[in-house]
Amino acid sequence: QVQFVESGGGLAQPGGSLRLSCVASGFTFSQSQMRWFRQVPGKEREMGASISRTGLGTDYADSVNRRFIITRDNSVNTVYLQMNNLKPEDTAVYYCNTGWDNPWGRGTQVIVSS
């Protein structure tokens, strides 16, 4: 079945960086657009970044644009999110998925605090 396993979260200081990874399985990864989402407790899950099947096309939410970089490696079914210049408002649980229709992984917690 479709599965996503996110990792790489943790505690970072404002202005710091983290790199998230997500290993996907159960579908043809190289044929699927991939997305990173995030969710703050009590708020709706929101999409932060997306990447095309080849990795040549990317798109970002205004809140993360020019700070986060999404990449992928189709040889290992993995999508990454390089998070730079982190802000306290980036604190959330981060998930990857192809979209809204597949089961969700457990996510990885990111906390940005001094």
C-alpha atoms as a PDB file:
ATOM      1  CA  GLN A   1       0.000   0.000   0.000  1.00  0.00           C
ATOM      2  CA  VAL A   2       0.994   3.640  -0.309  1.00  0.00           C
ATOM      3  CA  GLN A   3       3.310   4.705   2.502  1.00  0.00           C
ATOM      4  CA  PHE A   4       5.309   7.779   3.396  1.00  0.00           C
ATOM      5  CA  VAL A   5       8.016   7.861   6.064  1.00  0.00           C
ATOM      6  CA  GLU A   6       9.182  11.336   7.001  1.00  0.00           C
ATOM      7  CA  SER A   7      12.327  12.092   8.994  1.00  0.00           C
ATOM      8  CA  GLY A   8      14.816  14.836   9.765  1.00  0.00           C
ATOM      9  CA  GLY A   9      12.770  17.070  12.011  1.00  0.00           C
ATOM     10  CA  GLY A  10      13.943  18.401  15.328  1.00  0.00           C
ATOM     11  CA  LEU A  11      14.705  21.560  17.240  1.00  0.00           C
ATOM     12  CA  ALA A  12      16.314  24.458  15.419  1.00  0.00           C
ATOM     13  CA  GLN A  13      17.059  28.034  16.347  1.00  0.00           C
ATOM     14  CA  PRO A  14      15.572  30.938  14.411  1.00  0.00           C
ATOM     15  CA  GLY A  15      17.728  31.485  11.353  1.00  0.00           C
ATOM     16  CA  GLY A  16      18.891  27.894  11.394  1.00  0.00           C
ATOM     17  CA  SER A  17      18.405  25.075   8.907  1.00  0.00           C
ATOM     18  CA  LEU A  18      16.998  21.568   8.782  1.00  0.00           C
ATOM     19  CA  ARG A  19      16.733  19.012   6.004  1.00  0.00           C
ATOM     20  CA  LEU A  20      13.687  16.759   5.899  1.00  0.00           C
ATOM     21  CA  SER A  21      13.489  13.470   4.006  1.00  0.00           C
ATOM     22  CA  CYS A  22      10.530  11.384   2.968  1.00  0.00           C
ATOM     23  CA  VAL A  23      10.760   7.858   1.611  1.00  0.00           C
ATOM     24  CA  ALA A  24       7.723   6.786  -0.395  1.00  0.00           C
ATOM     25  CA  SER A  25       6.547   3.314  -1.384  1.00  0.00           C
ATOM     26  CA  GLY A  26       3.559   1.506  -2.825  1.00  0.00           C
ATOM     27  CA  PHE A  27       3.261   3.492  -6.038  1.00  0.00           C
ATOM     28  CA  THR A  28       5.374   4.580  -9.009  1.00  0.00           C
ATOM     29  CA  PHE A  29       7.278   7.406  -7.368  1.00  0.00           C
ATOM     30  CA  SER A  30       8.927   8.674 -10.549  1.00  0.00           C
ATOM     31  CA  GLN A  31       5.513   9.179 -12.140  1.00  0.00           C
ATOM     32  CA  SER A  32       4.082  11.234  -9.301  1.00  0.00           C
ATOM     33  CA  GLN A  33       4.259  14.863  -8.390  1.00  0.00           C
ATOM     34  CA  MET A  34       5.286  15.171  -4.751  1.00  0.00           C
ATOM     35  CA  ARG A  35       4.366  17.712  -2.110  1.00  0.00           C
ATOM     36  CA  TRP A  36       5.373  18.742   1.387  1.00  0.00           C
ATOM     37  CA  PHE A  37       2.629  19.801   3.768  1.00  0.00           C
ATOM     38  CA  ARG A  38       2.678  21.086   7.310  1.00  0.00           C
ATOM     39  CA  GLN A  39       0.191  21.297  10.126  1.00  0.00           C
ATOM     40  CA  VAL A  40       0.081  23.237  13.344  1.00  0.00           C
ATOM     41  CA  PRO A  41      -2.136  21.751  16.076  1.00  0.00           C
ATOM     42  CA  GLY A  42      -5.588  23.254  15.845  1.00  0.00           C
ATOM     43  CA  LYS A  43      -5.080  24.477  12.306  1.00  0.00           C
ATOM     44  CA  GLU A  44      -5.666  22.985   8.884  1.00  0.00           C
ATOM     45  CA  ARG A  45      -2.926  21.171   7.059  1.00  0.00           C
ATOM     46  CA  GLU A  46      -1.402  23.373   4.382  1.00  0.00           C
ATOM     47  CA  MET A  47       0.769  22.678   1.383  1.00  0.00           C
ATOM     48  CA  GLY A  48       4.182  24.278   1.439  1.00  0.00           C
ATOM     49  CA  ALA A  49       6.016  23.009  -1.609  1.00  0.00           C
ATOM     50  CA  SER A  50       5.567  20.790  -4.631  1.00  0.00           C
ATOM     51  CA  ILE A  51       7.889  19.247  -7.189  1.00  0.00           C
ATOM     52  CA  SER A  52       7.220  17.796 -10.617  1.00  0.00           C
ATOM     53  CA  ARG A  53       7.890  14.173 -11.577  1.00  0.00           C
ATOM     54  CA  THR A  54      11.261  15.017 -13.079  1.00  0.00           C
ATOM     55  CA  GLY A  55      12.216  17.520 -10.410  1.00  0.00           C
ATOM     56  CA  LEU A  56      12.550  20.308 -12.934  1.00  0.00           C
ATOM     57  CA  GLY A  57       9.453  22.160 -11.797  1.00  0.00           C
ATOM     58  CA  THR A  58       8.855  23.420  -8.255  1.00  0.00           C
ATOM     59  CA  ASP A  59       6.295  25.600  -6.554  1.00  0.00           C
ATOM     60  CA  TYR A  60       6.194  27.138  -3.077  1.00  0.00           C
ATOM     61  CA  ALA A  61       3.729  28.762  -0.752  1.00  0.00           C
ATOM     62  CA  ASP A  62       4.445  32.428  -0.153  1.00  0.00           C
ATOM     63  CA  SER A  63       5.249  31.673   3.493  1.00  0.00           C
ATOM     64  CA  VAL A  64       8.249  29.493   2.578  1.00  0.00           C
ATOM     65  CA  ASN A  65       9.283  30.846  -0.812  1.00  0.00           C
ATOM     66  CA  ARG A  66      12.998  31.708  -1.087  1.00  0.00           C
ATOM     67  CA  ARG A  67      13.701  29.909   2.217  1.00  0.00           C
ATOM     68  CA  PHE A  68      12.755  26.290   1.513  1.00  0.00           C
ATOM     69  CA  ILE A  69      13.962  24.120  -1.359  1.00  0.00           C
ATOM     70  CA  ILE A  70      12.221  20.917  -2.455  1.00  0.00           C
ATOM     71  CA  THR A  71      14.170  18.277  -4.338  1.00  0.00           C
ATOM     72  CA  ARG A  72      13.774  14.609  -5.146  1.00  0.00           C
ATOM     73  CA  ASP A  73      15.799  11.524  -5.990  1.00  0.00           C
ATOM     74  CA  ASN A  74      13.749   9.119  -8.059  1.00  0.00           C
ATOM     75  CA  SER A  75      16.410   6.405  -7.744  1.00  0.00           C
ATOM     76  CA  VAL A  76      15.634   6.034  -4.033  1.00  0.00           C
ATOM     77  CA  ASN A  77      11.979   7.143  -3.995  1.00  0.00           C
ATOM     78  CA  THR A  78      12.796  10.084  -1.754  1.00  0.00           C
ATOM     79  CA  VAL A  79      11.733  13.699  -1.625  1.00  0.00           C
ATOM     80  CA  TYR A  80      13.608  16.285   0.423  1.00  0.00           C
ATOM     81  CA  LEU A  81      12.873  19.662   1.933  1.00  0.00           C
ATOM     82  CA  GLN A  82      15.830  21.906   2.716  1.00  0.00           C
ATOM     83  CA  MET A  83      14.599  24.471   5.210  1.00  0.00           C
ATOM     84  CA  ASN A  84      16.740  27.582   5.628  1.00  0.00           C
ATOM     85  CA  ASN A  85      16.362  30.775   7.640  1.00  0.00           C
ATOM     86  CA  LEU A  86      13.829  29.049   9.861  1.00  0.00           C
ATOM     87  CA  LYS A  87      11.275  31.127  11.739  1.00  0.00           C
ATOM     88  CA  PRO A  88       9.228  30.278  14.851  1.00  0.00           C
ATOM     89  CA  GLU A  89       6.125  30.212  12.652  1.00  0.00           C
ATOM     90  CA  ASP A  90       7.628  27.271  10.764  1.00  0.00           C
ATOM     91  CA  THR A  91       7.013  25.141  13.849  1.00  0.00           C
ATOM     92  CA  ALA A  92       4.704  22.333  12.718  1.00  0.00           C
ATOM     93  CA  VAL A  93       4.494  18.657  11.851  1.00  0.00           C
ATOM     94  CA  TYR A  94       5.684  18.153   8.292  1.00  0.00           C
ATOM     95  CA  TYR A  95       4.271  15.528   5.947  1.00  0.00           C
ATOM     96  CA  CYS A  96       4.932  14.487   2.388  1.00  0.00           C
ATOM     97  CA  ASN A  97       2.364  13.092  -0.003  1.00  0.00           C
ATOM     98  CA  THR A  98       1.396  13.064  -3.646  1.00  0.00           C
ATOM     99  CA  GLY A  99      -1.678  15.128  -2.815  1.00  0.00           C
ATOM    100  CA  TRP A 100      -4.687  14.989  -0.527  1.00  0.00           C
ATOM    101  CA  ASP A 101      -6.044  11.556  -1.446  1.00  0.00           C
ATOM    102  CA  ASN A 102      -3.434   9.100  -0.200  1.00  0.00           C
ATOM    103  CA  PRO A 103      -2.948   7.921   3.395  1.00  0.00           C
ATOM    104  CA  TRP A 104      -0.714  10.150   5.495  1.00  0.00           C
ATOM    105  CA  GLY A 105       2.525   9.175   7.180  1.00  0.00           C
ATOM    106  CA  ARG A 106       3.330  10.017  10.783  1.00  0.00           C
ATOM    107  CA  GLY A 107       5.108  13.207   9.818  1.00  0.00           C
ATOM    108  CA  THR A 108       8.181  14.733  11.400  1.00  0.00           C
ATOM    109  CA  GLN A 109       8.038  17.450  14.043  1.00  0.00           C
ATOM    110  CA  VAL A 110       9.908  20.694  13.494  1.00  0.00           C
ATOM    111  CA  ILE A 111      10.285  23.141  16.368  1.00  0.00           C
ATOM    112  CA  VAL A 112      11.914  26.505  15.813  1.00  0.00           C
ATOM    113  CA  SER A 113      12.741  28.201  19.061  1.00  0.00           C
ATOM    114  CA  SER A 114      15.586  30.010  20.797  1.00  0.00           C
END
